[in-house]
């Protein structure tokens, strides 16, 4: 069970974080409301609780990190979510991004390659009363059986744009994906328009690498 408190202090820190996100250009009020509703400190190990609402990434085990709040908000804003949208997330990680999407009314399908993170994510989302379809699998393959999707969000640095993911987008759907093989990646928004793909670059970010094999322990 979740044991961390969510008192006035934590709620105040969330308000301060939301104010910072506004100054950085996050203007979708639904995203900011979701950030206010989802207690980020519940997704972190106890060693990082005091810093949970700083705009920083933190380790979550299995060599992975929980992304900067701004990065989560930025990618989410690019998705232009509408209630009921079906979204595929590649890289469940801590499930904080998953929780934000669910709070915004999306129907979320999320793939994680690390079994310990997958199992932990299932527990914490259940404890918070949030429902998402979590899968242990290869993010490069997506989830054809559950597609097509209104949007796809990739939360790890892809070495290239996976064509299988592009095929799982609805016509008019969009994919937000950081692409690059070095320490920094270019954030790309990809629109599917019939059989064509339109690509837009939207800044430089840093993510852990996207890898194909499943890690079961």
N, C-alpha and C. Protein backbone atom coordinates (compact mmCIF):
# COMPACT_ATOMS: atom_id res chain seq x y z
N UNK A 1 0.83 -1.21 0.00
CA UNK A 1 0.00 0.00 0.00
C UNK A 1 0.87 1.26 0.00
N UNK A 2 0.30 2.35 -0.55
CA UNK A 2 0.98 3.63 -0.52
C UNK A 2 0.99 4.15 0.90
N UNK A 3 2.16 4.51 1.40
CA UNK A 3 2.27 5.00 2.77
C UNK A 3 2.64 6.46 2.83
N UNK A 4 3.15 7.05 1.73
CA UNK A 4 3.53 8.45 1.75
C UNK A 4 2.31 9.33 1.93
N UNK A 5 2.44 10.33 2.78
CA UNK A 5 1.35 11.26 2.99
C UNK A 5 1.21 12.20 1.79
N UNK A 6 0.01 12.73 1.63
CA UNK A 6 -0.22 13.76 0.62
C UNK A 6 -0.94 14.90 1.33
N UNK A 7 -0.16 15.66 2.10
CA UNK A 7 -0.72 16.71 2.93
C UNK A 7 -0.59 18.08 2.30
N UNK A 8 -0.77 19.11 3.13
CA UNK A 8 -0.71 20.49 2.65
C UNK A 8 0.64 20.81 2.04
N UNK A 9 1.71 20.25 2.62
CA UNK A 9 3.05 20.55 2.09
C UNK A 9 3.19 20.04 0.67
N UNK A 10 2.82 18.77 0.46
CA UNK A 10 2.95 18.18 -0.88
C UNK A 10 2.04 18.89 -1.88
N UNK A 11 0.84 19.23 -1.44
CA UNK A 11 -0.09 19.93 -2.33
C UNK A 11 0.44 21.33 -2.69
N UNK A 12 1.06 21.97 -1.72
CA UNK A 12 1.66 23.28 -1.99
C UNK A 12 2.81 23.20 -2.96
N UNK A 13 3.62 22.15 -2.82
CA UNK A 13 4.74 21.95 -3.73
C UNK A 13 4.25 21.67 -5.15
N UNK A 14 3.12 20.95 -5.27
CA UNK A 14 2.55 20.72 -6.59
C UNK A 14 2.10 22.03 -7.23
N UNK A 15 1.49 22.90 -6.42
CA UNK A 15 1.05 24.20 -6.93
C UNK A 15 2.25 25.00 -7.46
N UNK A 16 3.37 24.94 -6.73
CA UNK A 16 4.57 25.66 -7.16
C UNK A 16 5.11 25.08 -8.46
N UNK A 17 5.08 23.75 -8.58
CA UNK A 17 5.53 23.10 -9.81
C UNK A 17 4.65 23.51 -10.99
N UNK A 18 3.36 23.54 -10.77
CA UNK A 18 2.42 23.92 -11.83
C UNK A 18 2.69 25.36 -12.28
N UNK A 19 2.97 26.23 -11.32
CA UNK A 19 3.31 27.63 -11.67
C UNK A 19 4.56 27.66 -12.55
N UNK A 20 5.55 26.84 -12.21
CA UNK A 20 6.78 26.78 -13.01
C UNK A 20 6.49 26.25 -14.41
N UNK A 21 5.63 25.23 -14.51
CA UNK A 21 5.29 24.68 -15.82
C UNK A 21 4.60 25.73 -16.69
N UNK A 22 3.77 26.56 -16.08
CA UNK A 22 3.11 27.64 -16.83
C UNK A 22 4.15 28.58 -17.44
N UNK A 23 5.15 28.93 -16.63
CA UNK A 23 6.17 29.87 -17.12
C UNK A 23 6.97 29.27 -18.27
N UNK A 24 7.01 27.93 -18.34
CA UNK A 24 7.77 27.26 -19.40
C UNK A 24 6.91 26.98 -20.64
N UNK A 25 5.67 27.44 -20.63
CA UNK A 25 4.85 27.33 -21.83
C UNK A 25 3.79 26.24 -21.83
N UNK A 26 3.56 25.60 -20.70
CA UNK A 26 2.49 24.61 -20.61
C UNK A 26 1.19 25.36 -20.34
N UNK A 27 0.32 25.39 -21.33
CA UNK A 27 -0.89 26.22 -21.24
C UNK A 27 -2.18 25.42 -21.22
N UNK A 28 -2.11 24.11 -21.48
CA UNK A 28 -3.31 23.28 -21.47
C UNK A 28 -3.74 23.07 -20.01
N UNK A 29 -4.85 23.66 -19.62
CA UNK A 29 -5.29 23.60 -18.23
C UNK A 29 -5.59 22.18 -17.77
N UNK A 30 -5.99 21.32 -18.70
CA UNK A 30 -6.28 19.93 -18.32
C UNK A 30 -5.01 19.22 -17.88
N UNK A 31 -3.89 19.54 -18.51
CA UNK A 31 -2.61 18.95 -18.10
C UNK A 31 -2.24 19.43 -16.71
N UNK A 32 -2.38 20.72 -16.47
CA UNK A 32 -2.03 21.29 -15.17
C UNK A 32 -2.94 20.74 -14.07
N UNK A 33 -4.20 20.55 -14.39
CA UNK A 33 -5.13 19.95 -13.43
C UNK A 33 -4.72 18.51 -13.11
N UNK A 34 -4.28 17.78 -14.14
CA UNK A 34 -3.83 16.40 -13.92
C UNK A 34 -2.58 16.37 -13.04
N UNK A 35 -1.66 17.31 -13.27
CA UNK A 35 -0.46 17.39 -12.43
C UNK A 35 -0.83 17.70 -10.98
N UNK A 36 -1.87 18.48 -10.79
CA UNK A 36 -2.32 18.80 -9.43
C UNK A 36 -2.97 17.59 -8.77
N UNK A 37 -3.61 16.74 -9.58
CA UNK A 37 -4.36 15.60 -9.05
C UNK A 37 -3.50 14.36 -8.82
N UNK A 38 -2.36 14.27 -9.52
CA UNK A 38 -1.51 13.06 -9.42
C UNK A 38 -0.30 13.36 -8.53
N UNK A 39 -0.19 12.72 -7.37
CA UNK A 39 0.92 12.97 -6.44
C UNK A 39 2.23 12.33 -6.92
N UNK A 40 3.09 13.13 -7.53
CA UNK A 40 4.32 12.59 -8.11
C UNK A 40 5.19 11.87 -7.08
N UNK A 41 5.12 12.31 -5.82
CA UNK A 41 6.00 11.69 -4.82
C UNK A 41 5.65 10.22 -4.58
N UNK A 42 4.44 9.79 -4.93
CA UNK A 42 4.08 8.39 -4.77
C UNK A 42 4.80 7.49 -5.78
N UNK A 43 5.35 8.08 -6.83
CA UNK A 43 5.99 7.31 -7.89
C UNK A 43 7.51 7.22 -7.71
N UNK A 44 8.02 7.81 -6.64
CA UNK A 44 9.47 7.86 -6.41
C UNK A 44 9.87 7.01 -5.21
N UNK A 45 11.11 6.55 -5.23
CA UNK A 45 11.66 5.87 -4.06
C UNK A 45 11.79 6.87 -2.91
N UNK A 46 11.75 6.37 -1.70
CA UNK A 46 11.74 7.23 -0.52
C UNK A 46 12.94 8.18 -0.46
N UNK A 47 14.07 7.77 -1.04
CA UNK A 47 15.28 8.61 -0.99
C UNK A 47 15.09 9.94 -1.71
N UNK A 48 14.11 10.02 -2.61
CA UNK A 48 13.92 11.23 -3.43
C UNK A 48 12.65 12.00 -3.08
N UNK A 49 11.97 11.60 -2.00
CA UNK A 49 10.68 12.21 -1.69
C UNK A 49 10.78 13.71 -1.47
N UNK A 50 11.85 14.17 -0.83
CA UNK A 50 11.99 15.59 -0.53
C UNK A 50 12.15 16.44 -1.80
N UNK A 51 12.54 15.80 -2.89
CA UNK A 51 12.78 16.53 -4.14
C UNK A 51 11.75 16.20 -5.21
N UNK A 52 10.67 15.57 -4.84
CA UNK A 52 9.71 15.02 -5.80
C UNK A 52 9.11 16.06 -6.72
N UNK A 53 9.00 17.32 -6.25
CA UNK A 53 8.33 18.34 -7.06
C UNK A 53 9.31 19.35 -7.66
N UNK A 54 10.59 18.97 -7.66
CA UNK A 54 11.56 19.73 -8.42
C UNK A 54 11.51 19.27 -9.87
N UNK A 55 11.87 20.15 -10.79
CA UNK A 55 11.83 19.80 -12.21
C UNK A 55 13.08 19.00 -12.58
N UNK A 56 13.14 17.79 -12.05
CA UNK A 56 14.30 16.92 -12.24
C UNK A 56 13.84 15.50 -12.53
N UNK A 57 14.73 14.75 -13.18
CA UNK A 57 14.52 13.32 -13.37
C UNK A 57 15.19 12.58 -12.21
N UNK A 58 14.63 11.41 -11.84
CA UNK A 58 15.20 10.63 -10.74
C UNK A 58 15.22 9.15 -11.12
N UNK A 59 16.18 8.39 -10.59
CA UNK A 59 16.22 6.95 -10.85
C UNK A 59 14.99 6.25 -10.27
N UNK A 60 14.50 5.23 -10.99
CA UNK A 60 13.36 4.45 -10.49
C UNK A 60 13.69 2.95 -10.47
N UNK A 61 14.96 2.61 -10.70
CA UNK A 61 15.36 1.21 -10.74
C UNK A 61 15.44 0.70 -12.16
N UNK A 62 16.10 -0.45 -12.32
CA UNK A 62 16.27 -1.10 -13.64
C UNK A 62 16.97 -0.21 -14.65
N UNK A 63 17.78 0.75 -14.15
CA UNK A 63 18.51 1.64 -15.04
C UNK A 63 17.65 2.69 -15.71
N UNK A 64 16.42 2.89 -15.22
CA UNK A 64 15.48 3.82 -15.82
C UNK A 64 15.26 5.03 -14.92
N UNK A 65 14.59 6.05 -15.47
CA UNK A 65 14.31 7.26 -14.69
C UNK A 65 12.86 7.69 -14.88
N UNK A 66 12.38 8.47 -13.92
CA UNK A 66 11.12 9.19 -14.09
C UNK A 66 11.50 10.52 -14.72
N UNK A 67 10.82 10.88 -15.80
CA UNK A 67 11.20 12.06 -16.58
C UNK A 67 10.97 13.36 -15.80
N UNK A 68 11.66 14.43 -16.24
CA UNK A 68 11.39 15.76 -15.71
C UNK A 68 9.90 16.06 -15.85
N UNK A 69 9.30 16.70 -14.87
CA UNK A 69 7.88 17.09 -15.01
C UNK A 69 7.63 17.90 -16.28
N UNK A 70 8.55 18.80 -16.63
CA UNK A 70 8.34 19.59 -17.83
C UNK A 70 8.29 18.71 -19.07
N UNK A 71 9.17 17.72 -19.13
CA UNK A 71 9.20 16.82 -20.29
C UNK A 71 7.88 16.07 -20.41
N UNK A 72 7.37 15.58 -19.28
CA UNK A 72 6.08 14.88 -19.27
C UNK A 72 4.98 15.82 -19.77
N UNK A 73 4.95 17.03 -19.24
CA UNK A 73 3.93 17.99 -19.62
C UNK A 73 4.06 18.39 -21.10
N UNK A 74 5.29 18.58 -21.56
CA UNK A 74 5.53 18.99 -22.94
C UNK A 74 5.06 17.93 -23.92
N UNK A 75 5.45 16.67 -23.68
CA UNK A 75 5.01 15.60 -24.56
C UNK A 75 3.49 15.46 -24.54
N UNK A 76 2.92 15.57 -23.35
CA UNK A 76 1.46 15.45 -23.22
C UNK A 76 0.75 16.56 -23.99
N UNK A 77 1.26 17.77 -23.91
CA UNK A 77 0.64 18.89 -24.61
C UNK A 77 0.67 18.67 -26.13
N UNK A 78 1.75 18.08 -26.62
CA UNK A 78 1.87 17.81 -28.05
C UNK A 78 0.84 16.79 -28.53
N UNK A 79 0.36 15.94 -27.62
CA UNK A 79 -0.60 14.91 -28.01
C UNK A 79 -1.97 15.48 -28.34
N UNK A 80 -2.29 16.66 -27.78
CA UNK A 80 -3.61 17.28 -27.98
C UNK A 80 -4.72 16.27 -27.67
N UNK A 81 -4.69 15.78 -26.45
CA UNK A 81 -5.60 14.71 -26.01
C UNK A 81 -7.04 15.21 -25.93
N UNK A 82 -7.94 14.37 -26.36
CA UNK A 82 -9.36 14.56 -26.12
C UNK A 82 -9.86 13.38 -25.29
N UNK A 83 -10.88 13.62 -24.48
CA UNK A 83 -11.41 12.56 -23.63
C UNK A 83 -11.85 11.38 -24.48
N UNK A 84 -11.43 10.19 -24.07
CA UNK A 84 -11.76 8.97 -24.79
C UNK A 84 -10.75 8.56 -25.84
N UNK A 85 -9.74 9.41 -26.10
CA UNK A 85 -8.69 9.05 -27.05
C UNK A 85 -8.01 7.75 -26.61
N UNK A 86 -7.70 6.93 -27.58
CA UNK A 86 -6.95 5.69 -27.31
C UNK A 86 -5.48 5.98 -27.57
N UNK A 87 -4.67 5.83 -26.52
CA UNK A 87 -3.26 6.22 -26.59
C UNK A 87 -2.37 5.03 -26.25
N UNK A 88 -1.34 4.83 -27.06
CA UNK A 88 -0.32 3.83 -26.79
C UNK A 88 0.90 4.54 -26.23
N UNK A 89 1.34 4.08 -25.06
CA UNK A 89 2.55 4.63 -24.44
C UNK A 89 3.65 3.58 -24.52
N UNK A 90 4.81 3.98 -25.02
CA UNK A 90 5.97 3.08 -25.08
C UNK A 90 6.92 3.48 -23.98
N UNK A 91 7.04 2.63 -22.96
CA UNK A 91 7.90 2.90 -21.80
C UNK A 91 7.09 3.35 -20.61
N UNK A 92 6.45 2.41 -19.92
CA UNK A 92 5.63 2.74 -18.75
C UNK A 92 6.48 3.38 -17.66
N UNK A 93 7.66 2.81 -17.42
CA UNK A 93 8.55 3.34 -16.38
C UNK A 93 7.87 3.38 -15.03
N UNK A 94 7.88 4.54 -14.40
CA UNK A 94 7.28 4.71 -13.07
C UNK A 94 5.76 4.72 -13.14
N UNK A 95 5.19 4.93 -14.32
CA UNK A 95 3.74 5.07 -14.57
C UNK A 95 3.22 6.46 -14.25
N UNK A 96 4.09 7.43 -14.00
CA UNK A 96 3.62 8.79 -13.75
C UNK A 96 3.00 9.38 -15.01
N UNK A 97 3.69 9.23 -16.15
CA UNK A 97 3.11 9.71 -17.41
C UNK A 97 1.79 9.00 -17.70
N UNK A 98 1.74 7.71 -17.45
CA UNK A 98 0.52 6.93 -17.63
C UNK A 98 -0.61 7.53 -16.82
N UNK A 99 -0.32 7.85 -15.56
CA UNK A 99 -1.34 8.41 -14.66
C UNK A 99 -1.86 9.75 -15.16
N UNK A 100 -0.97 10.59 -15.68
CA UNK A 100 -1.39 11.89 -16.21
C UNK A 100 -2.35 11.69 -17.38
N UNK A 101 -2.02 10.78 -18.28
CA UNK A 101 -2.88 10.51 -19.44
C UNK A 101 -4.25 10.00 -19.01
N UNK A 102 -4.26 9.08 -18.04
CA UNK A 102 -5.53 8.53 -17.56
C UNK A 102 -6.37 9.62 -16.91
N UNK A 103 -5.74 10.47 -16.10
CA UNK A 103 -6.46 11.57 -15.44
C UNK A 103 -7.09 12.51 -16.44
N UNK A 104 -6.50 12.61 -17.63
CA UNK A 104 -7.04 13.49 -18.67
C UNK A 104 -8.14 12.82 -19.49
N UNK A 105 -8.49 11.60 -19.12
CA UNK A 105 -9.61 10.93 -19.76
C UNK A 105 -9.25 10.04 -20.93
N UNK A 106 -7.96 9.78 -21.12
CA UNK A 106 -7.54 8.90 -22.22
C UNK A 106 -7.67 7.44 -21.83
N UNK A 107 -7.86 6.60 -22.84
CA UNK A 107 -7.82 5.16 -22.66
C UNK A 107 -6.40 4.73 -23.01
N UNK A 108 -5.63 4.32 -22.00
CA UNK A 108 -4.19 4.16 -22.16
C UNK A 108 -3.78 2.68 -22.22
N UNK A 109 -2.96 2.38 -23.23
CA UNK A 109 -2.30 1.08 -23.36
C UNK A 109 -0.80 1.37 -23.25
N UNK A 110 -0.12 0.73 -22.30
CA UNK A 110 1.27 1.08 -22.03
C UNK A 110 2.15 -0.16 -22.01
N UNK A 111 3.29 -0.06 -22.68
CA UNK A 111 4.22 -1.19 -22.80
C UNK A 111 5.51 -0.89 -22.04
N UNK A 112 5.95 -1.84 -21.23
CA UNK A 112 7.20 -1.74 -20.48
C UNK A 112 8.03 -3.00 -20.72
N UNK A 113 9.34 -2.86 -20.90
CA UNK A 113 10.20 -4.01 -21.16
C UNK A 113 10.80 -4.60 -19.89
N UNK A 114 10.81 -3.85 -18.79
CA UNK A 114 11.38 -4.32 -17.53
C UNK A 114 10.28 -4.89 -16.64
N UNK A 115 10.33 -6.17 -16.35
CA UNK A 115 9.27 -6.79 -15.56
C UNK A 115 9.11 -6.18 -14.17
N UNK A 116 10.20 -5.86 -13.44
CA UNK A 116 10.02 -5.25 -12.12
C UNK A 116 9.27 -3.92 -12.19
N UNK A 117 9.55 -3.10 -13.19
CA UNK A 117 8.85 -1.82 -13.34
C UNK A 117 7.40 -2.05 -13.74
N UNK A 118 7.18 -3.00 -14.62
CA UNK A 118 5.82 -3.36 -15.05
C UNK A 118 4.96 -3.76 -13.84
N UNK A 119 5.51 -4.62 -12.99
CA UNK A 119 4.77 -5.09 -11.82
C UNK A 119 4.51 -3.97 -10.82
N UNK A 120 5.51 -3.12 -10.61
CA UNK A 120 5.35 -2.01 -9.69
C UNK A 120 4.33 -1.00 -10.20
N UNK A 121 4.35 -0.76 -11.51
CA UNK A 121 3.41 0.19 -12.11
C UNK A 121 1.97 -0.30 -11.94
N UNK A 122 1.74 -1.59 -12.11
CA UNK A 122 0.40 -2.14 -11.95
C UNK A 122 -0.11 -1.90 -10.53
N UNK A 123 0.78 -2.07 -9.56
CA UNK A 123 0.37 -1.90 -8.16
C UNK A 123 0.04 -0.45 -7.86
N UNK A 124 0.91 0.47 -8.24
CA UNK A 124 0.69 1.87 -7.87
C UNK A 124 -0.53 2.46 -8.57
N UNK A 125 -0.76 2.11 -9.83
CA UNK A 125 -1.94 2.62 -10.51
C UNK A 125 -3.21 2.10 -9.85
N UNK A 126 -3.19 0.83 -9.46
CA UNK A 126 -4.35 0.26 -8.76
C UNK A 126 -4.59 0.97 -7.43
N UNK A 127 -3.52 1.25 -6.70
CA UNK A 127 -3.64 1.94 -5.42
C UNK A 127 -4.22 3.34 -5.56
N UNK A 128 -3.93 3.97 -6.69
CA UNK A 128 -4.44 5.33 -6.94
C UNK A 128 -5.79 5.31 -7.64
N UNK A 129 -6.31 4.11 -7.92
CA UNK A 129 -7.61 4.00 -8.54
C UNK A 129 -7.62 4.39 -10.01
N UNK A 130 -6.50 4.21 -10.69
CA UNK A 130 -6.37 4.59 -12.10
C UNK A 130 -6.27 3.33 -12.95
N UNK A 131 -7.03 3.31 -14.04
CA UNK A 131 -7.09 2.12 -14.88
C UNK A 131 -6.39 2.34 -16.22
N UNK A 132 -5.43 1.47 -16.52
CA UNK A 132 -4.73 1.47 -17.80
C UNK A 132 -4.40 0.02 -18.15
N UNK A 133 -4.27 -0.27 -19.42
CA UNK A 133 -3.88 -1.60 -19.86
C UNK A 133 -2.36 -1.64 -19.95
N UNK A 134 -1.71 -2.31 -18.98
CA UNK A 134 -0.26 -2.42 -18.96
C UNK A 134 0.17 -3.74 -19.57
N UNK A 135 1.25 -3.68 -20.35
CA UNK A 135 1.74 -4.87 -21.04
C UNK A 135 3.25 -4.97 -20.88
N UNK A 136 3.76 -6.17 -20.68
CA UNK A 136 5.19 -6.44 -20.70
C UNK A 136 5.54 -6.83 -22.12
N UNK A 137 6.38 -6.04 -22.79
CA UNK A 137 6.65 -6.36 -24.18
C UNK A 137 7.70 -5.48 -24.81
N UNK A 138 7.82 -5.60 -26.12
CA UNK A 138 8.80 -4.89 -26.94
C UNK A 138 8.14 -3.65 -27.53
N UNK A 139 8.60 -2.49 -27.11
CA UNK A 139 8.00 -1.25 -27.56
C UNK A 139 8.10 -1.02 -29.05
N UNK A 140 9.13 -1.56 -29.69
CA UNK A 140 9.27 -1.39 -31.14
C UNK A 140 8.12 -2.05 -31.90
N UNK A 141 7.51 -3.07 -31.28
CA UNK A 141 6.42 -3.80 -31.94
C UNK A 141 5.06 -3.17 -31.66
N UNK A 142 4.98 -2.34 -30.62
CA UNK A 142 3.71 -1.72 -30.28
C UNK A 142 2.69 -2.75 -29.83
N UNK A 143 1.43 -2.51 -30.14
CA UNK A 143 0.36 -3.43 -29.76
C UNK A 143 -0.68 -3.44 -30.87
N UNK A 144 -0.39 -4.18 -31.91
CA UNK A 144 -1.26 -4.21 -33.09
C UNK A 144 -2.66 -4.66 -32.73
N UNK A 145 -2.76 -5.62 -31.80
CA UNK A 145 -4.07 -6.16 -31.45
C UNK A 145 -4.97 -5.12 -30.82
N UNK A 146 -4.40 -4.10 -30.18
CA UNK A 146 -5.19 -3.05 -29.54
C UNK A 146 -5.32 -1.79 -30.39
N UNK A 147 -4.61 -1.72 -31.50
CA UNK A 147 -4.65 -0.55 -32.35
C UNK A 147 -5.84 -0.58 -33.29
N UNK A 148 -5.99 0.43 -34.15
CA UNK A 148 -5.09 1.60 -34.24
C UNK A 148 -5.36 2.60 -33.13
N UNK A 149 -4.40 3.52 -32.93
CA UNK A 149 -4.44 4.46 -31.83
C UNK A 149 -4.60 5.89 -32.33
N UNK A 150 -5.28 6.70 -31.52
CA UNK A 150 -5.36 8.13 -31.82
C UNK A 150 -4.00 8.79 -31.70
N UNK A 151 -3.22 8.33 -30.72
CA UNK A 151 -1.89 8.89 -30.49
C UNK A 151 -0.96 7.82 -29.93
N UNK A 152 0.32 8.02 -30.17
CA UNK A 152 1.36 7.18 -29.57
C UNK A 152 2.38 8.11 -28.94
N UNK A 153 2.77 7.83 -27.71
CA UNK A 153 3.80 8.61 -27.02
C UNK A 153 4.94 7.67 -26.64
N UNK A 154 6.14 8.03 -27.03
CA UNK A 154 7.33 7.23 -26.72
C UNK A 154 8.14 7.99 -25.68
N UNK A 155 8.40 7.35 -24.55
CA UNK A 155 9.06 8.03 -23.42
C UNK A 155 10.49 7.56 -23.23
N UNK A 156 11.12 7.12 -24.31
CA UNK A 156 12.53 6.73 -24.30
C UNK A 156 13.11 7.11 -25.65
N UNK A 157 14.44 7.24 -25.70
CA UNK A 157 15.10 7.71 -26.90
C UNK A 157 15.22 6.63 -27.96
N UNK A 158 14.48 6.78 -29.05
CA UNK A 158 14.49 5.78 -30.12
C UNK A 158 15.64 6.05 -31.09
N UNK A 159 16.34 5.02 -31.54
CA UNK A 159 17.43 5.22 -32.51
C UNK A 159 16.91 5.59 -33.90
N UNK A 160 15.63 5.29 -34.14
CA UNK A 160 15.00 5.61 -35.43
C UNK A 160 13.48 5.62 -35.19
N UNK A 161 12.74 6.02 -36.19
CA UNK A 161 11.28 6.02 -36.09
C UNK A 161 10.77 4.63 -36.46
N UNK A 162 10.22 3.88 -35.51
CA UNK A 162 9.75 2.52 -35.81
C UNK A 162 8.54 2.54 -36.74
N UNK A 163 8.68 1.94 -37.90
CA UNK A 163 7.59 1.95 -38.87
C UNK A 163 6.38 1.16 -38.38
N UNK A 164 6.61 0.14 -37.56
CA UNK A 164 5.49 -0.62 -37.03
C UNK A 164 4.59 0.26 -36.17
N UNK A 165 5.19 1.18 -35.41
CA UNK A 165 4.39 2.11 -34.61
C UNK A 165 3.61 3.06 -35.53
N UNK A 166 4.25 3.52 -36.58
CA UNK A 166 3.55 4.40 -37.52
C UNK A 166 2.33 3.72 -38.11
N UNK A 167 2.45 2.43 -38.40
CA UNK A 167 1.34 1.69 -38.98
C UNK A 167 0.18 1.54 -38.00
N UNK A 168 0.47 1.67 -36.70
CA UNK A 168 -0.58 1.51 -35.69
C UNK A 168 -1.30 2.81 -35.35
N UNK A 169 -0.93 3.91 -36.02
CA UNK A 169 -1.62 5.18 -35.86
C UNK A 169 -2.87 5.21 -36.73
N UNK A 170 -3.94 5.79 -36.21
CA UNK A 170 -5.11 6.08 -37.04
C UNK A 170 -4.74 7.14 -38.07
N UNK A 171 -5.48 7.20 -39.15
CA UNK A 171 -5.33 8.29 -40.10
C UNK A 171 -5.65 9.59 -39.37
N UNK A 172 -4.73 10.54 -39.41
CA UNK A 172 -4.88 11.78 -38.66
C UNK A 172 -4.28 11.71 -37.27
N UNK A 173 -3.79 10.52 -36.87
CA UNK A 173 -3.19 10.36 -35.55
C UNK A 173 -1.78 10.91 -35.51
N UNK A 174 -1.27 11.05 -34.30
CA UNK A 174 0.06 11.63 -34.13
C UNK A 174 0.90 10.78 -33.18
N UNK A 175 2.19 10.79 -33.41
CA UNK A 175 3.14 10.12 -32.51
C UNK A 175 4.16 11.14 -32.04
N UNK A 176 4.41 11.15 -30.74
CA UNK A 176 5.42 12.01 -30.14
C UNK A 176 6.58 11.11 -29.73
N UNK A 177 7.75 11.35 -30.31
CA UNK A 177 8.86 10.42 -30.11
C UNK A 177 10.20 11.16 -30.13
N UNK A 178 11.06 10.95 -29.11
CA UNK A 178 12.42 11.50 -29.16
C UNK A 178 13.31 10.56 -29.97
N UNK A 179 14.01 11.10 -30.97
CA UNK A 179 14.79 10.25 -31.87
C UNK A 179 16.26 10.67 -31.86
N UNK A 180 17.13 9.70 -31.65
CA UNK A 180 18.57 9.95 -31.66
C UNK A 180 19.29 8.87 -30.90
N UNK A 181 20.51 8.55 -31.31
CA UNK A 181 21.26 7.45 -30.70
C UNK A 181 22.28 7.92 -29.66
N UNK A 182 22.50 9.22 -29.53
CA UNK A 182 23.47 9.72 -28.57
C UNK A 182 22.77 10.11 -27.27
N UNK A 183 23.41 10.96 -26.46
CA UNK A 183 22.84 11.34 -25.18
C UNK A 183 21.65 12.28 -25.32
N UNK A 184 21.52 12.91 -26.48
CA UNK A 184 20.41 13.82 -26.70
C UNK A 184 19.61 13.36 -27.91
N UNK A 185 18.30 13.62 -27.86
CA UNK A 185 17.42 13.25 -28.96
C UNK A 185 16.61 14.46 -29.40
N UNK A 186 16.16 14.43 -30.64
CA UNK A 186 15.28 15.46 -31.16
C UNK A 186 13.83 14.99 -30.99
N UNK A 187 13.04 15.83 -30.33
CA UNK A 187 11.63 15.49 -30.16
C UNK A 187 10.91 15.68 -31.49
N UNK A 188 10.20 14.65 -31.91
CA UNK A 188 9.49 14.72 -33.19
C UNK A 188 8.00 14.45 -32.98
N UNK A 189 7.20 15.22 -33.70
CA UNK A 189 5.77 14.94 -33.77
C UNK A 189 5.49 14.47 -35.19
N UNK A 190 4.94 13.27 -35.29
CA UNK A 190 4.71 12.64 -36.58
C UNK A 190 3.21 12.51 -36.78
N UNK A 191 2.71 13.06 -37.86
CA UNK A 191 1.30 12.97 -38.21
C UNK A 191 1.13 11.93 -39.32
N UNK A 192 0.15 11.07 -39.15
CA UNK A 192 -0.17 10.14 -40.24
C UNK A 192 -1.31 10.74 -41.06
N UNK A 193 -1.06 10.94 -42.33
CA UNK A 193 -2.06 11.49 -43.23
C UNK A 193 -2.20 10.53 -44.41
N UNK A 194 -3.16 9.61 -44.27
CA UNK A 194 -3.30 8.55 -45.26
C UNK A 194 -2.08 7.65 -45.21
N UNK A 195 -1.41 7.50 -46.34
CA UNK A 195 -0.19 6.68 -46.39
C UNK A 195 1.08 7.51 -46.20
N UNK A 196 0.90 8.79 -45.95
CA UNK A 196 2.04 9.69 -45.80
C UNK A 196 2.27 10.05 -44.34
N UNK A 197 3.53 10.36 -44.02
CA UNK A 197 3.89 10.82 -42.68
C UNK A 197 4.46 12.23 -42.76
N UNK A 198 3.96 13.10 -41.90
CA UNK A 198 4.47 14.46 -41.83
C UNK A 198 5.23 14.60 -40.51
N UNK A 199 6.48 15.03 -40.56
CA UNK A 199 7.34 15.06 -39.38
C UNK A 199 7.71 16.50 -39.02
N UNK A 200 7.58 16.81 -37.73
CA UNK A 200 7.92 18.13 -37.21
C UNK A 200 8.91 17.95 -36.06
N UNK A 201 9.98 18.75 -36.02
CA UNK A 201 10.96 18.70 -34.93
C UNK A 201 10.68 19.80 -33.93
N UNK A 202 10.77 19.42 -32.62
CA UNK A 202 10.33 20.33 -31.57
C UNK A 202 11.30 20.36 -30.38
N UNK A 203 12.57 20.53 -30.65
CA UNK A 203 13.53 20.72 -29.57
C UNK A 203 14.34 19.49 -29.23
N UNK A 204 15.33 19.70 -28.37
CA UNK A 204 16.28 18.65 -27.98
C UNK A 204 16.03 18.25 -26.53
N UNK A 205 16.00 16.94 -26.27
CA UNK A 205 15.76 16.39 -24.94
C UNK A 205 16.73 15.24 -24.69
N UNK A 206 16.69 14.71 -23.48
CA UNK A 206 17.56 13.59 -23.14
C UNK A 206 16.74 12.50 -22.45
N UNK A 207 16.75 11.30 -23.03
CA UNK A 207 15.99 10.17 -22.50
C UNK A 207 16.91 8.95 -22.39
N UNK A 208 16.50 7.98 -21.58
CA UNK A 208 17.18 6.68 -21.59
C UNK A 208 16.86 6.01 -22.93
N UNK A 209 17.73 5.11 -23.42
CA UNK A 209 17.52 4.54 -24.76
C UNK A 209 16.35 3.56 -24.83
N UNK A 210 15.72 3.54 -25.98
CA UNK A 210 14.67 2.57 -26.28
C UNK A 210 15.33 1.30 -26.79
N UNK A 211 15.06 0.17 -26.14
CA UNK A 211 15.69 -1.10 -26.48
C UNK A 211 14.62 -2.15 -26.71
N UNK A 212 14.91 -3.17 -27.55
CA UNK A 212 13.87 -4.13 -27.94
C UNK A 212 13.63 -5.30 -26.98
N UNK A 213 14.67 -5.82 -26.35
CA UNK A 213 14.51 -7.05 -25.61
C UNK A 213 13.81 -6.83 -24.27
N UNK A 214 13.04 -7.83 -23.86
CA UNK A 214 12.32 -7.77 -22.59
C UNK A 214 13.22 -8.23 -21.47
N UNK A 215 13.26 -7.48 -20.37
CA UNK A 215 14.05 -7.84 -19.19
C UNK A 215 13.09 -8.37 -18.13
N UNK A 216 13.23 -9.63 -17.80
CA UNK A 216 12.22 -10.27 -16.94
C UNK A 216 12.58 -10.28 -15.46
N UNK A 217 13.78 -9.83 -15.10
CA UNK A 217 14.09 -9.81 -13.66
C UNK A 217 15.08 -8.71 -13.37
